C-alpha atoms as a PDB file:
ATOM      1  CA  UNK A   1      89.209  76.580  96.618  1.00  0.00           C
ATOM      2  CA  UNK A   2      92.062  77.564  94.360  1.00  0.00           C
ATOM      3  CA  UNK A   3      94.317  75.942  91.858  1.00  0.00           C
ATOM      4  CA  UNK A   4      97.689  75.632  93.581  1.00  0.00           C
ATOM      5  CA  UNK A   5     100.739  74.926  91.405  1.00  0.00           C
ATOM      6  CA  UNK A   6     104.407  74.556  92.012  1.00  0.00           C
ATOM      7  CA  UNK A   7     105.390  74.128  88.377  1.00  0.00           C
ATOM      8  CA  UNK A   8     105.540  76.406  85.225  1.00  0.00           C
ATOM      9  CA  UNK A   9     101.904  77.284  84.310  1.00  0.00           C
ATOM     10  CA  UNK A  10     100.417  76.514  80.985  1.00  0.00           C
ATOM     11  CA  UNK A  11      97.901  79.210  80.094  1.00  0.00           C
ATOM     12  CA  UNK A  12      94.721  77.240  79.884  1.00  0.00           C
ATOM     13  CA  UNK A  13      91.284  78.488  81.006  1.00  0.00           C
ATOM     14  CA  UNK A  14      89.968  76.755  83.992  1.00  0.00           C
ATOM     15  CA  UNK A  15      86.554  77.473  85.531  1.00  0.00           C
ATOM     16  CA  UNK A  16      86.493  78.114  89.273  1.00  0.00           C
ATOM     17  CA  UNK A  17      83.274  79.604  90.635  1.00  0.00           C
ATOM     18  CA  UNK A  18      84.119  79.717  94.377  1.00  0.00           C
ATOM     19  CA  UNK A  19      85.985  83.023  94.450  1.00  0.00           C
ATOM     20  CA  UNK A  20      83.207  84.977  92.576  1.00  0.00           C
ATOM     21  CA  UNK A  21      80.488  83.427  94.736  1.00  0.00           C
ATOM     22  CA  UNK A  22      82.481  84.379  97.882  1.00  0.00           C
ATOM     23  CA  UNK A  23      82.888  87.968  96.676  1.00  0.00           C
ATOM     24  CA  UNK A  24      79.149  88.292  95.908  1.00  0.00           C
ATOM     25  CA  UNK A  25      78.233  86.884  99.301  1.00  0.00           C
ATOM     26  CA  UNK A  26      80.627  89.278 101.116  1.00  0.00           C
ATOM     27  CA  UNK A  27      79.331  92.303  99.270  1.00  0.00           C
ATOM     28  CA  UNK A  28      75.583  91.460  99.267  1.00  0.00           C
ATOM     29  CA  UNK A  29      75.109  89.825 102.629  1.00  0.00           C
ATOM     30  CA  UNK A  30      77.341  91.761 105.017  1.00  0.00           C
ATOM     31  CA  UNK A  31      75.807  95.145 104.380  1.00  0.00           C
ATOM     32  CA  UNK A  32      74.777  97.405 107.094  1.00  0.00           C
ATOM     33  CA  UNK A  33      73.009 100.955 106.742  1.00  0.00           C
ATOM     34  CA  UNK A  34      76.590 102.383 106.518  1.00  0.00           C
ATOM     35  CA  UNK A  35      77.550 100.060 103.665  1.00  0.00           C
ATOM     36  CA  UNK A  36      79.405  96.752 103.394  1.00  0.00           C
ATOM     37  CA  UNK A  37      80.960  95.641 106.613  1.00  0.00           C
ATOM     38  CA  UNK A  38      84.522  95.035 105.352  1.00  0.00           C
ATOM     39  CA  UNK A  39      87.344  94.790 107.812  1.00  0.00           C
ATOM     40  CA  UNK A  40      88.941  97.912 106.271  1.00  0.00           C
ATOM     41  CA  UNK A  41      86.847 100.644 104.693  1.00  0.00           C
ATOM     42  CA  UNK A  42      88.032 103.702 102.742  1.00  0.00           C
ATOM     43  CA  UNK A  43      86.651 107.092 101.808  1.00  0.00           C
ATOM     44  CA  UNK A  44      87.499 108.669  98.503  1.00  0.00           C
ATOM     45  CA  UNK A  45      88.951 112.015  99.465  1.00  0.00           C
ATOM     46  CA  UNK A  46      90.635 113.310  96.344  1.00  0.00           C
ATOM     47  CA  UNK A  47      90.725 112.767  92.582  1.00  0.00           C
ATOM     48  CA  UNK A  48      93.599 114.309  90.623  1.00  0.00           C
ATOM     49  CA  UNK A  49      94.641 114.446  86.949  1.00  0.00           C
ATOM     50  CA  UNK A  50      97.877 112.901  85.837  1.00  0.00           C
ATOM     51  CA  UNK A  51     100.180 114.035  83.167  1.00  0.00           C
ATOM     52  CA  UNK A  52     101.198 110.468  82.208  1.00  0.00           C
ATOM     53  CA  UNK A  53      99.352 107.317  81.163  1.00  0.00           C
ATOM     54  CA  UNK A  54      99.750 105.039  84.077  1.00  0.00           C
ATOM     55  CA  UNK A  55      99.960 101.223  84.011  1.00  0.00           C
ATOM     56  CA  UNK A  56     101.245 100.500  87.523  1.00  0.00           C
ATOM     57  CA  UNK A  57     102.472 102.087  90.652  1.00  0.00           C
ATOM     58  CA  UNK A  58     104.249 101.585  93.994  1.00  0.00           C
ATOM     59  CA  UNK A  59     105.047 103.578  97.160  1.00  0.00           C
ATOM     60  CA  UNK A  60     108.479 105.062  97.752  1.00  0.00           C
ATOM     61  CA  UNK A  61     108.995 105.087 101.513  1.00  0.00           C
ATOM     62  CA  UNK A  62     112.342 106.795 101.171  1.00  0.00           C
ATOM     63  CA  UNK A  63     110.853 110.014  99.855  1.00  0.00           C
ATOM     64  CA  UNK A  64     107.196 109.460 100.804  1.00  0.00           C
ATOM     65  CA  UNK A  65     106.314 109.700  97.097  1.00  0.00           C
ATOM     66  CA  UNK A  66     104.760 107.397  94.457  1.00  0.00           C
ATOM     67  CA  UNK A  67     106.421 105.503  91.541  1.00  0.00           C
ATOM     68  CA  UNK A  68     104.312 105.306  88.412  1.00  0.00           C
ATOM     69  CA  UNK A  69     105.214 103.376  85.259  1.00  0.00           C
ATOM     70  CA  UNK A  70     103.946 104.241  81.843  1.00  0.00           C
ATOM     71  CA  UNK A  71     103.399 101.390  79.434  1.00  0.00           C
ATOM     72  CA  UNK A  72     104.124 103.369  76.243  1.00  0.00           C
ATOM     73  CA  UNK A  73     107.641 104.669  75.882  1.00  0.00           C
ATOM     74  CA  UNK A  74     109.137 103.196  78.940  1.00  0.00           C
ATOM     75  CA  UNK A  75     108.686 106.178  81.256  1.00  0.00           C
ATOM     76  CA  UNK A  76     108.995 105.799  85.035  1.00  0.00           C
ATOM     77  CA  UNK A  77     108.019 108.785  87.132  1.00  0.00           C
ATOM     78  CA  UNK A  78     108.214 109.732  90.843  1.00  0.00           C
ATOM     79  CA  UNK A  79     105.281 111.963  91.790  1.00  0.00           C
ATOM     80  CA  UNK A  80     104.052 113.580  94.996  1.00  0.00           C
ATOM     81  CA  UNK A  81     101.285 111.608  96.781  1.00  0.00           C
ATOM     82  CA  UNK A  82      98.736 114.159  95.796  1.00  0.00           C
ATOM     83  CA  UNK A  83      99.881 114.081  92.185  1.00  0.00           C
ATOM     84  CA  UNK A  84     100.580 117.851  91.843  1.00  0.00           C
ATOM     85  CA  UNK A  85     104.145 117.482  90.568  1.00  0.00           C
ATOM     86  CA  UNK A  86     106.528 115.088  88.867  1.00  0.00           C
ATOM     87  CA  UNK A  87     109.613 115.149  91.058  1.00  0.00           C
ATOM     88  CA  UNK A  88     111.681 112.545  89.193  1.00  0.00           C
ATOM     89  CA  UNK A  89     111.840 110.650  85.899  1.00  0.00           C
ATOM     90  CA  UNK A  90     113.639 107.610  84.613  1.00  0.00           C
ATOM     91  CA  UNK A  91     113.810 106.944  80.856  1.00  0.00           C
ATOM     92  CA  UNK A  92     114.212 103.304  80.084  1.00  0.00           C
ATOM     93  CA  UNK A  93     113.996 101.604  76.723  1.00  0.00           C
ATOM     94  CA  UNK A  94     111.438  98.785  76.816  1.00  0.00           C
ATOM     95  CA  UNK A  95     108.789  96.999  74.847  1.00  0.00           C
ATOM     96  CA  UNK A  96     105.748  97.060  77.171  1.00  0.00           C
ATOM     97  CA  UNK A  97     106.210  97.919  80.809  1.00  0.00           C
ATOM     98  CA  UNK A  98     103.155  97.346  83.049  1.00  0.00           C
ATOM     99  CA  UNK A  99     103.969  96.848  86.709  1.00  0.00           C
ATOM    100  CA  UNK A 100     106.463  98.379  89.110  1.00  0.00           C
ATOM    101  CA  UNK A 101     107.790  97.506  92.596  1.00  0.00           C
ATOM    102  CA  UNK A 102     110.433  99.244  94.723  1.00  0.00           C
ATOM    103  CA  UNK A 103     113.150  97.078  96.291  1.00  0.00           C
ATOM    104  CA  UNK A 104     113.503  98.639  99.709  1.00  0.00           C
ATOM    105  CA  UNK A 105     116.642  96.536 100.432  1.00  0.00           C
ATOM    106  CA  UNK A 106     118.661  97.789  97.482  1.00  0.00           C
ATOM    107  CA  UNK A 107     116.898 100.959  96.397  1.00  0.00           C
ATOM    108  CA  UNK A 108     116.228  99.549  92.968  1.00  0.00           C
ATOM    109  CA  UNK A 109     113.101  99.039  90.929  1.00  0.00           C
ATOM    110  CA  UNK A 110     111.452  95.949  89.494  1.00  0.00           C
ATOM    111  CA  UNK A 111     109.391  96.501  86.341  1.00  0.00           C
ATOM    112  CA  UNK A 112     107.473  93.885  84.313  1.00  0.00           C
ATOM    113  CA  UNK A 113     107.869  93.334  80.589  1.00  0.00           C
ATOM    114  CA  UNK A 114     104.419  92.034  79.941  1.00  0.00           C
ATOM    115  CA  UNK A 115     104.878  90.438  76.492  1.00  0.00           C
ATOM    116  CA  UNK A 116     108.257  88.947  77.475  1.00  0.00           C
ATOM    117  CA  UNK A 117     107.003  87.361  80.730  1.00  0.00           C
ATOM    118  CA  UNK A 118     110.075  88.854  82.448  1.00  0.00           C
ATOM    119  CA  UNK A 119     110.906  91.096  85.394  1.00  0.00           C
ATOM    120  CA  UNK A 120     113.633  93.721  84.917  1.00  0.00           C
ATOM    121  CA  UNK A 121     115.615  95.063  87.837  1.00  0.00           C
ATOM    122  CA  UNK A 122     116.847  98.696  87.203  1.00  0.00           C
ATOM    123  CA  UNK A 123     118.650 101.370  89.042  1.00  0.00           C
ATOM    124  CA  UNK A 124     117.139 104.842  89.642  1.00  0.00           C
ATOM    125  CA  UNK A 125     119.228 106.218  86.757  1.00  0.00           C
ATOM    126  CA  UNK A 126     117.738 103.583  84.333  1.00  0.00           C
ATOM    127  CA  UNK A 127     120.663 101.089  84.240  1.00  0.00           C
ATOM    128  CA  UNK A 128     119.543  97.444  83.770  1.00  0.00           C
ATOM    129  CA  UNK A 129     120.922  95.241  86.462  1.00  0.00           C
ATOM    130  CA  UNK A 130     119.111  91.904  85.967  1.00  0.00           C
ATOM    131  CA  UNK A 131     116.553  90.171  83.833  1.00  0.00           C
ATOM    132  CA  UNK A 132     114.333  87.591  85.530  1.00  0.00           C
ATOM    133  CA  UNK A 133     112.803  85.309  82.903  1.00  0.00           C
ATOM    134  CA  UNK A 134     109.794  83.312  84.279  1.00  0.00           C
ATOM    135  CA  UNK A 135     109.188  79.879  82.450  1.00  0.00           C
ATOM    136  CA  UNK A 136     105.584  80.189  81.371  1.00  0.00           C
ATOM    137  CA  UNK A 137     103.937  78.534  78.430  1.00  0.00           C
ATOM    138  CA  UNK A 138     101.268  80.612  76.606  1.00  0.00           C
ATOM    139  CA  UNK A 139      99.401  80.885  73.300  1.00  0.00           C
ATOM    140  CA  UNK A 140     100.401  83.579  70.881  1.00  0.00           C
ATOM    141  CA  UNK A 141      96.905  85.008  71.166  1.00  0.00           C
ATOM    142  CA  UNK A 142      97.579  85.696  74.821  1.00  0.00           C
ATOM    143  CA  UNK A 143     100.854  87.507  74.340  1.00  0.00           C
ATOM    144  CA  UNK A 144      99.379  90.800  75.581  1.00  0.00           C
ATOM    145  CA  UNK A 145      97.850  89.164  78.701  1.00  0.00           C
ATOM    146  CA  UNK A 146     101.000  88.741  80.660  1.00  0.00           C
ATOM    147  CA  UNK A 147     102.614  90.346  83.691  1.00  0.00           C
ATOM    148  CA  UNK A 148     100.522  93.350  84.823  1.00  0.00           C
ATOM    149  CA  UNK A 149     101.754  93.812  88.391  1.00  0.00           C
ATOM    150  CA  UNK A 150     104.623  92.856  90.660  1.00  0.00           C
ATOM    151  CA  UNK A 151     105.624  93.294  94.329  1.00  0.00           C
ATOM    152  CA  UNK A 152     108.660  92.547  96.310  1.00  0.00           C
ATOM    153  CA  UNK A 153     108.638  90.426  99.506  1.00  0.00           C
ATOM    154  CA  UNK A 154     111.446  91.666 101.677  1.00  0.00           C
ATOM    155  CA  UNK A 155     111.008  88.697 104.064  1.00  0.00           C
ATOM    156  CA  UNK A 156     112.056  86.169 101.474  1.00  0.00           C
ATOM    157  CA  UNK A 157     113.520  88.107  98.541  1.00  0.00           C
ATOM    158  CA  UNK A 158     110.888  86.580  96.298  1.00  0.00           C
ATOM    159  CA  UNK A 159     108.580  88.463  93.941  1.00  0.00           C
ATOM    160  CA  UNK A 160     104.787  88.046  93.538  1.00  0.00           C
ATOM    161  CA  UNK A 161     103.475  88.668  90.043  1.00  0.00           C
ATOM    162  CA  UNK A 162      99.934  89.361  88.782  1.00  0.00           C
ATOM    163  CA  UNK A 163      99.355  87.635  85.435  1.00  0.00           C
ATOM    164  CA  UNK A 164      96.583  89.520  83.660  1.00  0.00           C
ATOM    165  CA  UNK A 165      94.555  86.797  81.995  1.00  0.00           C
ATOM    166  CA  UNK A 166      94.469  83.224  80.779  1.00  0.00           C
ATOM    167  CA  UNK A 167      94.995  82.452  83.557  1.00  0.00           C
ATOM    168  CA  UNK A 168      94.331  85.229  85.988  1.00  0.00           C
ATOM    169  CA  UNK A 169      96.876  84.079  88.442  1.00  0.00           C
ATOM    170  CA  UNK A 170      99.244  85.195  91.219  1.00  0.00           C
ATOM    171  CA  UNK A 171     102.708  83.734  90.915  1.00  0.00           C
ATOM    172  CA  UNK A 172     105.455  83.663  93.586  1.00  0.00           C
ATOM    173  CA  UNK A 173     108.893  83.500  91.977  1.00  0.00           C
ATOM    174  CA  UNK A 174     112.461  83.353  93.241  1.00  0.00           C
ATOM    175  CA  UNK A 175     115.087  85.891  92.130  1.00  0.00           C
ATOM    176  CA  UNK A 176     116.051  83.239  89.563  1.00  0.00           C
ATOM    177  CA  UNK A 177     112.538  83.159  88.110  1.00  0.00           C
ATOM    178  CA  UNK A 178     111.531  79.723  89.485  1.00  0.00           C
ATOM    179  CA  UNK A 179     107.808  79.552  90.222  1.00  0.00           C
ATOM    180  CA  UNK A 180     107.433  78.234  93.758  1.00  0.00           C
ATOM    181  CA  UNK A 181     103.700  78.796  94.294  1.00  0.00           C
ATOM    182  CA  UNK A 182     100.694  80.113  92.475  1.00  0.00           C
ATOM    183  CA  UNK A 183      96.869  80.396  92.677  1.00  0.00           C
ATOM    184  CA  UNK A 184      94.324  81.290  90.136  1.00  0.00           C
ATOM    185  CA  UNK A 185      91.369  83.726  90.249  1.00  0.00           C
ATOM    186  CA  UNK A 186      89.489  82.686  87.141  1.00  0.00           C
ATOM    187  CA  UNK A 187      86.186  84.369  88.126  1.00  0.00           C
ATOM    188  CA  UNK A 188      87.415  87.923  87.579  1.00  0.00           C
ATOM    189  CA  UNK A 189      88.069  89.072  84.045  1.00  0.00           C
ATOM    190  CA  UNK A 190      91.559  90.490  84.614  1.00  0.00           C
ATOM    191  CA  UNK A 191      94.265  91.174  87.231  1.00  0.00           C
ATOM    192  CA  UNK A 192      95.752  94.620  87.179  1.00  0.00           C
ATOM    193  CA  UNK A 193      98.210  94.756  90.143  1.00  0.00           C
ATOM    194  CA  UNK A 194      99.499  93.146  93.315  1.00  0.00           C
ATOM    195  CA  UNK A 195     101.022  94.390  96.542  1.00  0.00           C
ATOM    196  CA  UNK A 196     102.023  93.162 100.009  1.00  0.00           C
ATOM    197  CA  UNK A 197     100.505  94.492 103.164  1.00  0.00           C
ATOM    198  CA  UNK A 198     103.630  95.131 105.221  1.00  0.00           C
ATOM    199  CA  UNK A 199     101.692  94.816 108.561  1.00  0.00           C
ATOM    200  CA  UNK A 200      99.980  91.448 107.920  1.00  0.00           C
ATOM    201  CA  UNK A 201     102.185  89.984 105.133  1.00  0.00           C
ATOM    202  CA  UNK A 202      99.004  89.352 103.090  1.00  0.00           C
ATOM    203  CA  UNK A 203      98.674  89.852  99.377  1.00  0.00           C
ATOM    204  CA  UNK A 204      96.480  92.645  98.123  1.00  0.00           C
ATOM    205  CA  UNK A 205      95.265  92.158  94.574  1.00  0.00           C
ATOM    206  CA  UNK A 206      93.621  94.690  92.191  1.00  0.00           C
ATOM    207  CA  UNK A 207      91.082  92.994  89.785  1.00  0.00           C
ATOM    208  CA  UNK A 208      89.061  94.339  86.926  1.00  0.00           C
ATOM    209  CA  UNK A 209      85.501  93.309  85.989  1.00  0.00           C
ATOM    210  CA  UNK A 210      84.601  93.518  88.787  1.00  0.00           C
ATOM    211  CA  UNK A 211      86.822  96.339  90.005  1.00  0.00           C
ATOM    212  CA  UNK A 212      87.950  95.117  93.497  1.00  0.00           C
ATOM    213  CA  UNK A 213      90.737  95.276  95.921  1.00  0.00           C
ATOM    214  CA  UNK A 214      90.950  91.687  97.249  1.00  0.00           C
ATOM    215  CA  UNK A 215      93.116  90.540 100.187  1.00  0.00           C
ATOM    216  CA  UNK A 216      94.547  87.002 100.347  1.00  0.00           C
ATOM    217  CA  UNK A 217      96.994  85.149 102.455  1.00  0.00           C
ATOM    218  CA  UNK A 218     100.110  84.131 100.544  1.00  0.00           C
ATOM    219  CA  UNK A 219      98.616  80.653  99.930  1.00  0.00           C
ATOM    220  CA  UNK A 220      95.452  82.117  98.335  1.00  0.00           C
ATOM    221  CA  UNK A 221      92.983  82.082 101.156  1.00  0.00           C
ATOM    222  CA  UNK A 222      90.442  84.911 100.770  1.00  0.00           C
ATOM    223  CA  UNK A 223      90.560  87.416 103.617  1.00  0.00           C
ATOM    224  CA  UNK A 224      88.787  90.659 102.630  1.00  0.00           C
ATOM    225  CA  UNK A 225      87.275  92.612  99.713  1.00  0.00           C
ATOM    226  CA  UNK A 226      86.935  96.292  99.022  1.00  0.00           C
ATOM    227  CA  UNK A 227      84.573  97.434  96.193  1.00  0.00           C
ATOM    228  CA  UNK A 228      86.393  99.739  93.818  1.00  0.00           C
ATOM    229  CA  UNK A 229      83.494 100.624  91.518  1.00  0.00           C
ATOM    230  CA  UNK A 230      84.250 104.296  91.893  1.00  0.00           C
ATOM    231  CA  UNK A 231      87.411 103.968  89.859  1.00  0.00           C
ATOM    232  CA  UNK A 232      87.030 103.359  86.099  1.00  0.00           C
ATOM    233  CA  UNK A 233      89.733 101.310  84.379  1.00  0.00           C
ATOM    234  CA  UNK A 234      91.985 100.840  87.488  1.00  0.00           C
ATOM    235  CA  UNK A 235      95.548  99.993  86.430  1.00  0.00           C
ATOM    236  CA  UNK A 236      97.619 100.109  89.648  1.00  0.00           C
ATOM    237  CA  UNK A 237      97.476 100.830  93.337  1.00  0.00           C
ATOM    238  CA  UNK A 238      99.613 101.125  96.432  1.00  0.00           C
ATOM    239  CA  UNK A 239      99.351 102.125 100.090  1.00  0.00           C
ATOM    240  CA  UNK A 240     101.509 104.451 102.103  1.00  0.00           C
ATOM    241  CA  UNK A 241     102.787 104.221 105.653  1.00  0.00           C
ATOM    242  CA  UNK A 242      99.738 106.095 106.933  1.00  0.00           C
ATOM    243  CA  UNK A 243      97.289 103.526 105.483  1.00  0.00           C
ATOM    244  CA  UNK A 244      96.089 105.729 102.589  1.00  0.00           C
ATOM    245  CA  UNK A 245      95.180 103.874  99.427  1.00  0.00           C
ATOM    246  CA  UNK A 246      96.261 105.303  95.975  1.00  0.00           C
ATOM    247  CA  UNK A 247      94.701 103.973  92.736  1.00  0.00           C
ATOM    248  CA  UNK A 248      95.560 105.055  89.181  1.00  0.00           C
ATOM    249  CA  UNK A 249      93.314 104.712  86.066  1.00  0.00           C
ATOM    250  CA  UNK A 250      94.420 105.101  82.472  1.00  0.00           C
ATOM    251  CA  UNK A 251      91.064 106.138  81.080  1.00  0.00           C
ATOM    252  CA  UNK A 252      90.767 108.821  82.328  1.00  0.00           C
ATOM    253  CA  UNK A 253      94.371 109.401  83.415  1.00  0.00           C
ATOM    254  CA  UNK A 254      93.696 110.106  87.108  1.00  0.00           C
ATOM    255  CA  UNK A 255      94.906 109.381  90.616  1.00  0.00           C
ATOM    256  CA  UNK A 256      92.301 108.430  93.250  1.00  0.00           C
ATOM    257  CA  UNK A 257      93.179 108.946  96.875  1.00  0.00           C
ATOM    258  CA  UNK A 258      91.306 107.002  99.637  1.00  0.00           C
ATOM    259  CA  UNK A 259      91.680 107.457 103.339  1.00  0.00           C
ATOM    260  CA  UNK A 260      91.054 104.660 105.790  1.00  0.00           C
ATOM    261  CA  UNK A 261      87.875 105.129 107.855  1.00  0.00           C
ATOM    262  CA  UNK A 262      88.423 105.798 111.565  1.00  0.00           C
END
């Protein structure tokens, strides 16, 4: 079903049609008069303008707020869940930040340097604590198709990374940067973000073209799909403790709030 690897990945394009076929089957053949019969469905309840250009996001359970990272200029912002106000800002010098994850154990932040294939751990005042370099081989033409999303697994201390393209892959890495598991999703154009469902331990992946929220087990078994066609250019997402889904787009710069259906 998926390409599973336990070694550093070489960015080579490999064709795998099973995932796309599965997604089409789920969307087209499980429909009812009320819409697709996904395990979890959401209603779009609010759309809000953002004052920043988002490239990734994560939930902050300490303050019940959202972290948003901006890829240009290295800005990291803490905003209210309805996006009305920026309540905190971290200035951090960087080259190309894309993804962000909150480390609930230490109160620090992980951010991805896409072009460097590295994860940076920083404090809330912008101090660099650690640089996690991941040993990946890639062509120079693919330098801007690197780490788009990251999430922290508190159960193991490992990180899951969404590599944007060539390959579209989810990597599990240790705190030292060793790749211990991976699987590829070559039948979507790009990966935009990744998160962990704290209740199930499953991976939730944001894809582009098609725009989907896709749920997998940690070994890459497909569990569920949610169609995200209502959001143009989705760049990041997260879920809060109440089950609400938050998605950001960079064109236009907006926050989309979804509530789980009862």
